[in-house]
Amino acid sequence: MRTPAPPGLEHAIAYAGTAGLLVLAYPVQPVWLIIGSLSAYSGLMELLQTFSPGRHPGLDGMLWSSAGAILGSLLVALLRFRMR
């Protein structure tokens, strides 16, 4: 379901939430690994859109998703650090 928000912002919010939850769920994993994994995943999803009728891959989708992953994971890591 689409929202009135721009598609890039939707990507960023979705990946920020996912990254934040992963940082909370796996506290021993390095934050860079979570960011890298989600960025690679977003790139793969964009690439696979080539094979889906009516969809088109785009670098902008991957960049928005990666930015969301960075923002969400660093925000939660910072909050976790400050609460100690």
PDB file of N, CA and C in Angstrom:
ATOM      1  N   MET A   1       0.846  -1.174   0.000  1.00  0.00           N
ATOM      2  CA  MET A   1       0.000   0.000   0.000  1.00  0.00           C
ATOM      3  C   MET A   1       0.890   1.235   0.000  1.00  0.00           C
ATOM      4  N   ARG A   2       0.586   2.159  -0.846  1.00  0.00           N
ATOM      5  CA  ARG A   2       1.362   3.398  -0.973  1.00  0.00           C
ATOM      6  C   ARG A   2       0.802   4.455  -0.029  1.00  0.00           C
ATOM      7  N   THR A   3       1.685   5.285   0.452  1.00  0.00           N
ATOM      8  CA  THR A   3       1.287   6.426   1.270  1.00  0.00           C
ATOM      9  C   THR A   3       1.463   7.690   0.434  1.00  0.00           C
ATOM     10  N   PRO A   4       1.023   8.829   0.933  1.00  0.00           N
ATOM     11  CA  PRO A   4       1.233  10.072   0.184  1.00  0.00           C
ATOM     12  C   PRO A   4       2.691  10.528   0.189  1.00  0.00           C
ATOM     13  N   ALA A   5       3.521   9.887   0.982  1.00  0.00           N
ATOM     14  CA  ALA A   5       4.941  10.263   1.062  1.00  0.00           C
ATOM     15  C   ALA A   5       5.664   9.879  -0.225  1.00  0.00           C
ATOM     16  N   PRO A   6       6.738  10.588  -0.560  1.00  0.00           N
ATOM     17  CA  PRO A   6       7.526  10.209  -1.736  1.00  0.00           C
ATOM     18  C   PRO A   6       8.097   8.787  -1.567  1.00  0.00           C
ATOM     19  N   PRO A   7       8.237   8.042  -2.668  1.00  0.00           N
ATOM     20  CA  PRO A   7       8.733   6.666  -2.577  1.00  0.00           C
ATOM     21  C   PRO A   7      10.093   6.556  -1.879  1.00  0.00           C
ATOM     22  N   GLY A   8      10.978   7.497  -2.123  1.00  0.00           N
ATOM     23  CA  GLY A   8      12.290   7.443  -1.479  1.00  0.00           C
ATOM     24  C   GLY A   8      12.182   7.534   0.025  1.00  0.00           C
ATOM     25  N   LEU A   9      11.282   8.369   0.498  1.00  0.00           N
ATOM     26  CA  LEU A   9      11.090   8.508   1.936  1.00  0.00           C
ATOM     27  C   LEU A   9      10.500   7.232   2.533  1.00  0.00           C
ATOM     28  N   GLU A  10       9.608   6.593   1.792  1.00  0.00           N
ATOM     29  CA  GLU A  10       9.057   5.310   2.242  1.00  0.00           C
ATOM     30  C   GLU A  10      10.168   4.275   2.391  1.00  0.00           C
ATOM     31  N   HIS A  11      11.061   4.231   1.417  1.00  0.00           N
ATOM     32  CA  HIS A  11      12.191   3.301   1.492  1.00  0.00           C
ATOM     33  C   HIS A  11      13.029   3.591   2.737  1.00  0.00           C
ATOM     34  N   ALA A  12      13.363   4.846   2.937  1.00  0.00           N
ATOM     35  CA  ALA A  12      14.230   5.232   4.051  1.00  0.00           C
ATOM     36  C   ALA A  12      13.595   4.875   5.395  1.00  0.00           C
ATOM     37  N   ILE A  13      12.316   5.151   5.548  1.00  0.00           N
ATOM     38  CA  ILE A  13      11.637   4.854   6.814  1.00  0.00           C
ATOM     39  C   ILE A  13      11.582   3.351   7.062  1.00  0.00           C
ATOM     40  N   ALA A  14      11.266   2.586   6.030  1.00  0.00           N
ATOM     41  CA  ALA A  14      11.190   1.130   6.183  1.00  0.00           C
ATOM     42  C   ALA A  14      12.546   0.538   6.570  1.00  0.00           C
ATOM     43  N   TYR A  15      13.599   0.968   5.909  1.00  0.00           N
ATOM     44  CA  TYR A  15      14.925   0.430   6.207  1.00  0.00           C
ATOM     45  C   TYR A  15      15.470   0.964   7.531  1.00  0.00           C
ATOM     46  N   ALA A  16      15.106   2.187   7.907  1.00  0.00           N
ATOM     47  CA  ALA A  16      15.532   2.724   9.205  1.00  0.00           C
ATOM     48  C   ALA A  16      14.911   1.909  10.337  1.00  0.00           C
ATOM     49  N   GLY A  17      13.639   1.608  10.209  1.00  0.00           N
ATOM     50  CA  GLY A  17      12.974   0.790  11.230  1.00  0.00           C
ATOM     51  C   GLY A  17      13.551  -0.607  11.312  1.00  0.00           C
ATOM     52  N   THR A  18      13.791  -1.207  10.160  1.00  0.00           N
ATOM     53  CA  THR A  18      14.367  -2.550  10.127  1.00  0.00           C
ATOM     54  C   THR A  18      15.765  -2.556  10.734  1.00  0.00           C
ATOM     55  N   ALA A  19      16.580  -1.587  10.364  1.00  0.00           N
ATOM     56  CA  ALA A  19      17.946  -1.518  10.884  1.00  0.00           C
ATOM     57  C   ALA A  19      17.942  -1.290  12.387  1.00  0.00           C
ATOM     58  N   GLY A  20      17.075  -0.406  12.855  1.00  0.00           N
ATOM     59  CA  GLY A  20      16.993  -0.157  14.293  1.00  0.00           C
ATOM     60  C   GLY A  20      16.614  -1.410  15.062  1.00  0.00           C
ATOM     61  N   LEU A  21      15.651  -2.146  14.553  1.00  0.00           N
ATOM     62  CA  LEU A  21      15.242  -3.390  15.212  1.00  0.00           C
ATOM     63  C   LEU A  21      16.358  -4.436  15.179  1.00  0.00           C
ATOM     64  N   LEU A  22      17.094  -4.502  14.080  1.00  0.00           N
ATOM     65  CA  LEU A  22      18.202  -5.458  14.004  1.00  0.00           C
ATOM     66  C   LEU A  22      19.321  -5.102  14.980  1.00  0.00           C
ATOM     67  N   VAL A  23      19.600  -3.827  15.140  1.00  0.00           N
ATOM     68  CA  VAL A  23      20.628  -3.408  16.106  1.00  0.00           C
ATOM     69  C   VAL A  23      20.194  -3.782  17.522  1.00  0.00           C
ATOM     70  N   LEU A  24      18.909  -3.619  17.820  1.00  0.00           N
ATOM     71  CA  LEU A  24      18.411  -4.014  19.141  1.00  0.00           C
ATOM     72  C   LEU A  24      18.417  -5.529  19.328  1.00  0.00           C
ATOM     73  N   ALA A  25      18.062  -6.250  18.282  1.00  0.00           N
ATOM     74  CA  ALA A  25      17.955  -7.706  18.386  1.00  0.00           C
ATOM     75  C   ALA A  25      19.310  -8.402  18.427  1.00  0.00           C
ATOM     76  N   TYR A  26      20.312  -7.821  17.797  1.00  0.00           N
ATOM     77  CA  TYR A  26      21.641  -8.435  17.719  1.00  0.00           C
ATOM     78  C   TYR A  26      22.700  -7.462  18.239  1.00  0.00           C
ATOM     79  N   PRO A  27      22.739  -7.247  19.545  1.00  0.00           N
ATOM     80  CA  PRO A  27      23.660  -6.242  20.096  1.00  0.00           C
ATOM     81  C   PRO A  27      25.141  -6.580  19.957  1.00  0.00           C
ATOM     82  N   VAL A  28      25.479  -7.840  19.755  1.00  0.00           N
ATOM     83  CA  VAL A  28      26.901  -8.194  19.619  1.00  0.00           C
ATOM     84  C   VAL A  28      27.406  -8.041  18.186  1.00  0.00           C
ATOM     85  N   GLN A  29      26.489  -7.890  17.240  1.00  0.00           N
ATOM     86  CA  GLN A  29      26.903  -7.721  15.846  1.00  0.00           C
ATOM     87  C   GLN A  29      27.355  -6.279  15.619  1.00  0.00           C
ATOM     88  N   PRO A  30      28.423  -6.092  14.862  1.00  0.00           N
ATOM     89  CA  PRO A  30      28.848  -4.719  14.564  1.00  0.00           C
ATOM     90  C   PRO A  30      27.786  -3.984  13.736  1.00  0.00           C
ATOM     91  N   VAL A  31      27.622  -2.721  14.030  1.00  0.00           N
ATOM     92  CA  VAL A  31      26.618  -1.905  13.336  1.00  0.00           C
ATOM     93  C   VAL A  31      26.929  -1.847  11.841  1.00  0.00           C
ATOM     94  N   TRP A  32      28.203  -1.781  11.480  1.00  0.00           N
ATOM     95  CA  TRP A  32      28.560  -1.693  10.065  1.00  0.00           C
ATOM     96  C   TRP A  32      28.107  -2.944   9.306  1.00  0.00           C
ATOM     97  N   LEU A  33      28.077  -4.102   9.984  1.00  0.00           N
ATOM     98  CA  LEU A  33      27.639  -5.334   9.330  1.00  0.00           C
ATOM     99  C   LEU A  33      26.135  -5.278   9.024  1.00  0.00           C
ATOM    100  N   ILE A  34      25.374  -4.747   9.950  1.00  0.00           N
ATOM    101  CA  ILE A  34      23.932  -4.606   9.736  1.00  0.00           C
ATOM    102  C   ILE A  34      23.663  -3.612   8.606  1.00  0.00           C
ATOM    103  N   ILE A  35      24.377  -2.486   8.618  1.00  0.00           N
ATOM    104  CA  ILE A  35      24.213  -1.489   7.560  1.00  0.00           C
ATOM    105  C   ILE A  35      24.593  -2.083   6.205  1.00  0.00           C
ATOM    106  N   GLY A  36      25.731  -2.753   6.143  1.00  0.00           N
ATOM    107  CA  GLY A  36      26.191  -3.346   4.888  1.00  0.00           C
ATOM    108  C   GLY A  36      25.247  -4.419   4.366  1.00  0.00           C
ATOM    109  N   SER A  37      24.740  -5.241   5.278  1.00  0.00           N
ATOM    110  CA  SER A  37      23.825  -6.306   4.859  1.00  0.00           C
ATOM    111  C   SER A  37      22.523  -5.738   4.305  1.00  0.00           C
ATOM    112  N   LEU A  38      21.977  -4.746   4.979  1.00  0.00           N
ATOM    113  CA  LEU A  38      20.735  -4.145   4.480  1.00  0.00           C
ATOM    114  C   LEU A  38      20.961  -3.384   3.181  1.00  0.00           C
ATOM    115  N   SER A  39      22.101  -2.751   3.037  1.00  0.00           N
ATOM    116  CA  SER A  39      22.403  -2.042   1.784  1.00  0.00           C
ATOM    117  C   SER A  39      22.544  -3.024   0.631  1.00  0.00           C
ATOM    118  N   ALA A  40      23.226  -4.140   0.877  1.00  0.00           N
ATOM    119  CA  ALA A  40      23.358  -5.170  -0.158  1.00  0.00           C
ATOM    120  C   ALA A  40      21.987  -5.761  -0.508  1.00  0.00           C
ATOM    121  N   TYR A  41      21.171  -5.976   0.512  1.00  0.00           N
ATOM    122  CA  TYR A  41      19.830  -6.506   0.292  1.00  0.00           C
ATOM    123  C   TYR A  41      18.995  -5.538  -0.561  1.00  0.00           C
ATOM    124  N   SER A  42      19.083  -4.254  -0.259  1.00  0.00           N
ATOM    125  CA  SER A  42      18.308  -3.284  -1.039  1.00  0.00           C
ATOM    126  C   SER A  42      18.789  -3.244  -2.489  1.00  0.00           C
ATOM    127  N   GLY A  43      20.101  -3.390  -2.704  1.00  0.00           N
ATOM    128  CA  GLY A  43      20.625  -3.448  -4.061  1.00  0.00           C
ATOM    129  C   GLY A  43      20.119  -4.665  -4.813  1.00  0.00           C
ATOM    130  N   LEU A  44      20.070  -5.797  -4.127  1.00  0.00           N
ATOM    131  CA  LEU A  44      19.563  -7.024  -4.741  1.00  0.00           C
ATOM    132  C   LEU A  44      18.081  -6.883  -5.095  1.00  0.00           C
ATOM    133  N   MET A  45      17.308  -6.300  -4.192  1.00  0.00           N
ATOM    134  CA  MET A  45      15.877  -6.106  -4.467  1.00  0.00           C
ATOM    135  C   MET A  45      15.663  -5.190  -5.671  1.00  0.00           C
ATOM    136  N   GLU A  46      16.467  -4.148  -5.777  1.00  0.00           N
ATOM    137  CA  GLU A  46      16.362  -3.261  -6.938  1.00  0.00           C
ATOM    138  C   GLU A  46      16.721  -4.004  -8.220  1.00  0.00           C
ATOM    139  N   LEU A  47      17.766  -4.801  -8.166  1.00  0.00           N
ATOM    140  CA  LEU A  47      18.202  -5.568  -9.338  1.00  0.00           C
ATOM    141  C   LEU A  47      17.138  -6.579  -9.767  1.00  0.00           C
ATOM    142  N   LEU A  48      16.507  -7.223  -8.809  1.00  0.00           N
ATOM    143  CA  LEU A  48      15.496  -8.229  -9.129  1.00  0.00           C
ATOM    144  C   LEU A  48      14.227  -7.619  -9.731  1.00  0.00           C
ATOM    145  N   GLN A  49      14.041  -6.312  -9.575  1.00  0.00           N
ATOM    146  CA  GLN A  49      12.877  -5.672 -10.183  1.00  0.00           C
ATOM    147  C   GLN A  49      12.937  -5.709 -11.709  1.00  0.00           C
ATOM    148  N   THR A  50      14.111  -5.988 -12.248  1.00  0.00           N
ATOM    149  CA  THR A  50      14.268  -6.134 -13.694  1.00  0.00           C
ATOM    150  C   THR A  50      13.362  -7.245 -14.226  1.00  0.00           C
ATOM    151  N   PHE A  51      13.142  -8.270 -13.416  1.00  0.00           N
ATOM    152  CA  PHE A  51      12.388  -9.446 -13.846  1.00  0.00           C
ATOM    153  C   PHE A  51      10.902  -9.371 -13.499  1.00  0.00           C
ATOM    154  N   SER A  52      10.462  -8.268 -12.910  1.00  0.00           N
ATOM    155  CA  SER A  52       9.063  -8.126 -12.519  1.00  0.00           C
ATOM    156  C   SER A  52       8.376  -7.140 -13.461  1.00  0.00           C
ATOM    157  N   PRO A  53       7.342  -7.589 -14.172  1.00  0.00           N
ATOM    158  CA  PRO A  53       6.654  -6.695 -15.104  1.00  0.00           C
ATOM    159  C   PRO A  53       6.076  -5.472 -14.380  1.00  0.00           C
ATOM    160  N   GLY A  54       6.255  -4.334 -14.975  1.00  0.00           N
ATOM    161  CA  GLY A  54       5.722  -3.109 -14.411  1.00  0.00           C
ATOM    162  C   GLY A  54       6.627  -2.451 -13.373  1.00  0.00           C
ATOM    163  N   ARG A  55       7.728  -3.083 -13.056  1.00  0.00           N
ATOM    164  CA  ARG A  55       8.674  -2.521 -12.086  1.00  0.00           C
ATOM    165  C   ARG A  55       9.956  -2.167 -12.812  1.00  0.00           C
ATOM    166  N   HIS A  56      10.708  -1.240 -12.258  1.00  0.00           N
ATOM    167  CA  HIS A  56      11.986  -0.887 -12.855  1.00  0.00           C
ATOM    168  C   HIS A  56      13.005  -0.631 -11.743  1.00  0.00           C
ATOM    169  N   PRO A  57      14.205  -1.140 -11.921  1.00  0.00           N
ATOM    170  CA  PRO A  57      15.232  -0.918 -10.901  1.00  0.00           C
ATOM    171  C   PRO A  57      15.738   0.516 -10.967  1.00  0.00           C
ATOM    172  N   GLY A  58      16.209   0.987  -9.832  1.00  0.00           N
ATOM    173  CA  GLY A  58      16.752   2.341  -9.816  1.00  0.00           C
ATOM    174  C   GLY A  58      17.779   2.506  -8.712  1.00  0.00           C
ATOM    175  N   LEU A  59      18.824   3.210  -9.032  1.00  0.00           N
ATOM    176  CA  LEU A  59      19.862   3.477  -8.045  1.00  0.00           C
ATOM    177  C   LEU A  59      19.314   4.336  -6.911  1.00  0.00           C
ATOM    178  N   ASP A  60      18.359   5.185  -7.215  1.00  0.00           N
ATOM    179  CA  ASP A  60      17.800   6.049  -6.173  1.00  0.00           C
ATOM    180  C   ASP A  60      17.117   5.246  -5.071  1.00  0.00           C
ATOM    181  N   GLY A  61      16.443   4.173  -5.413  1.00  0.00           N
ATOM    182  CA  GLY A  61      15.813   3.320  -4.401  1.00  0.00           C
ATOM    183  C   GLY A  61      16.835   2.702  -3.473  1.00  0.00           C
ATOM    184  N   MET A  62      17.921   2.231  -4.039  1.00  0.00           N
ATOM    185  CA  MET A  62      18.970   1.647  -3.220  1.00  0.00           C
ATOM    186  C   MET A  62      19.617   2.691  -2.318  1.00  0.00           C
ATOM    187  N   LEU A  63      19.831   3.893  -2.843  1.00  0.00           N
ATOM    188  CA  LEU A  63      20.446   4.948  -2.042  1.00  0.00           C
ATOM    189  C   LEU A  63      19.542   5.394  -0.898  1.00  0.00           C
ATOM    190  N   TRP A  64      18.252   5.535  -1.170  1.00  0.00           N
ATOM    191  CA  TRP A  64      17.319   5.898  -0.106  1.00  0.00           C
ATOM    192  C   TRP A  64      17.266   4.805   0.963  1.00  0.00           C
ATOM    193  N   SER A  65      17.225   3.556   0.529  1.00  0.00           N
ATOM    194  CA  SER A  65      17.181   2.437   1.475  1.00  0.00           C
ATOM    195  C   SER A  65      18.449   2.386   2.321  1.00  0.00           C
ATOM    196  N   SER A  66      19.592   2.552   1.681  1.00  0.00           N
ATOM    197  CA  SER A  66      20.862   2.530   2.402  1.00  0.00           C
ATOM    198  C   SER A  66      20.955   3.689   3.388  1.00  0.00           C
ATOM    199  N   ALA A  67      20.480   4.851   2.983  1.00  0.00           N
ATOM    200  CA  ALA A  67      20.484   5.998   3.893  1.00  0.00           C
ATOM    201  C   ALA A  67      19.594   5.729   5.106  1.00  0.00           C
ATOM    202  N   GLY A  68      18.463   5.109   4.882  1.00  0.00           N
ATOM    203  CA  GLY A  68      17.584   4.741   5.998  1.00  0.00           C
ATOM    204  C   GLY A  68      18.247   3.733   6.923  1.00  0.00           C
ATOM    205  N   ALA A  69      18.942   2.742   6.346  1.00  0.00           N
ATOM    206  CA  ALA A  69      19.634   1.748   7.160  1.00  0.00           C
ATOM    207  C   ALA A  69      20.718   2.396   8.009  1.00  0.00           C
ATOM    208  N   ILE A  70      21.446   3.329   7.426  1.00  0.00           N
ATOM    209  CA  ILE A  70      22.494   4.030   8.168  1.00  0.00           C
ATOM    210  C   ILE A  70      21.876   4.846   9.293  1.00  0.00           C
ATOM    211  N   LEU A  71      20.861   5.620   8.980  1.00  0.00           N
ATOM    212  CA  LEU A  71      20.231   6.482   9.965  1.00  0.00           C
ATOM    213  C   LEU A  71      19.620   5.676  11.113  1.00  0.00           C
ATOM    214  N   GLY A  72      18.854   4.665  10.776  1.00  0.00           N
ATOM    215  CA  GLY A  72      18.182   3.864  11.812  1.00  0.00           C
ATOM    216  C   GLY A  72      19.136   3.120  12.709  1.00  0.00           C
ATOM    217  N   SER A  73      20.153   2.504  12.128  1.00  0.00           N
ATOM    218  CA  SER A  73      21.079   1.724  12.946  1.00  0.00           C
ATOM    219  C   SER A  73      21.954   2.620  13.815  1.00  0.00           C
ATOM    220  N   LEU A  74      22.420   3.738  13.270  1.00  0.00           N
ATOM    221  CA  LEU A  74      23.253   4.631  14.075  1.00  0.00           C
ATOM    222  C   LEU A  74      22.441   5.317  15.175  1.00  0.00           C
ATOM    223  N   LEU A  75      21.203   5.642  14.897  1.00  0.00           N
ATOM    224  CA  LEU A  75      20.356   6.262  15.904  1.00  0.00           C
ATOM    225  C   LEU A  75      20.129   5.311  17.079  1.00  0.00           C
ATOM    226  N   VAL A  76      19.781   4.073  16.803  1.00  0.00           N
ATOM    227  CA  VAL A  76      19.541   3.104  17.870  1.00  0.00           C
ATOM    228  C   VAL A  76      20.844   2.780  18.600  1.00  0.00           C
ATOM    229  N   ALA A  77      21.949   2.658  17.874  1.00  0.00           N
ATOM    230  CA  ALA A  77      23.232   2.398  18.528  1.00  0.00           C
ATOM    231  C   ALA A  77      23.612   3.545  19.455  1.00  0.00           C
ATOM    232  N   LEU A  78      23.367   4.771  19.023  1.00  0.00           N
ATOM    233  CA  LEU A  78      23.658   5.934  19.859  1.00  0.00           C
ATOM    234  C   LEU A  78      22.770   5.953  21.100  1.00  0.00           C
ATOM    235  N   LEU A  79      21.484   5.695  20.927  1.00  0.00           N
ATOM    236  CA  LEU A  79      20.575   5.651  22.073  1.00  0.00           C
ATOM    237  C   LEU A  79      20.952   4.545  23.046  1.00  0.00           C
ATOM    238  N   ARG A  80      21.314   3.391  22.519  1.00  0.00           N
ATOM    239  CA  ARG A  80      21.734   2.263  23.379  1.00  0.00           C
ATOM    240  C   ARG A  80      22.983   2.619  24.146  1.00  0.00           C
ATOM    241  N   PHE A  81      23.924   3.305  23.498  1.00  0.00           N
ATOM    242  CA  PHE A  81      25.170   3.706  24.146  1.00  0.00           C
ATOM    243  C   PHE A  81      24.902   4.722  25.266  1.00  0.00           C
ATOM    244  N   ARG A  82      23.992   5.669  25.007  1.00  0.00           N
ATOM    245  CA  ARG A  82      23.714   6.713  26.004  1.00  0.00           C
ATOM    246  C   ARG A  82      22.929   6.189  27.188  1.00  0.00           C
ATOM    247  N   MET A  83      22.228   5.088  27.011  1.00  0.00           N
ATOM    248  CA  MET A  83      21.432   4.527  28.120  1.00  0.00           C
ATOM    249  C   MET A  83      22.267   3.667  29.051  1.00  0.00           C
ATOM    250  N   ARG A  84      23.498   3.379  28.684  1.00  0.00           N
ATOM    251  CA  ARG A  84      24.357   2.559  29.555  1.00  0.00           C
ATOM    252  C   ARG A  84      24.885   3.350  30.683  1.00  0.00           C
TER     253      ARG A  84
END
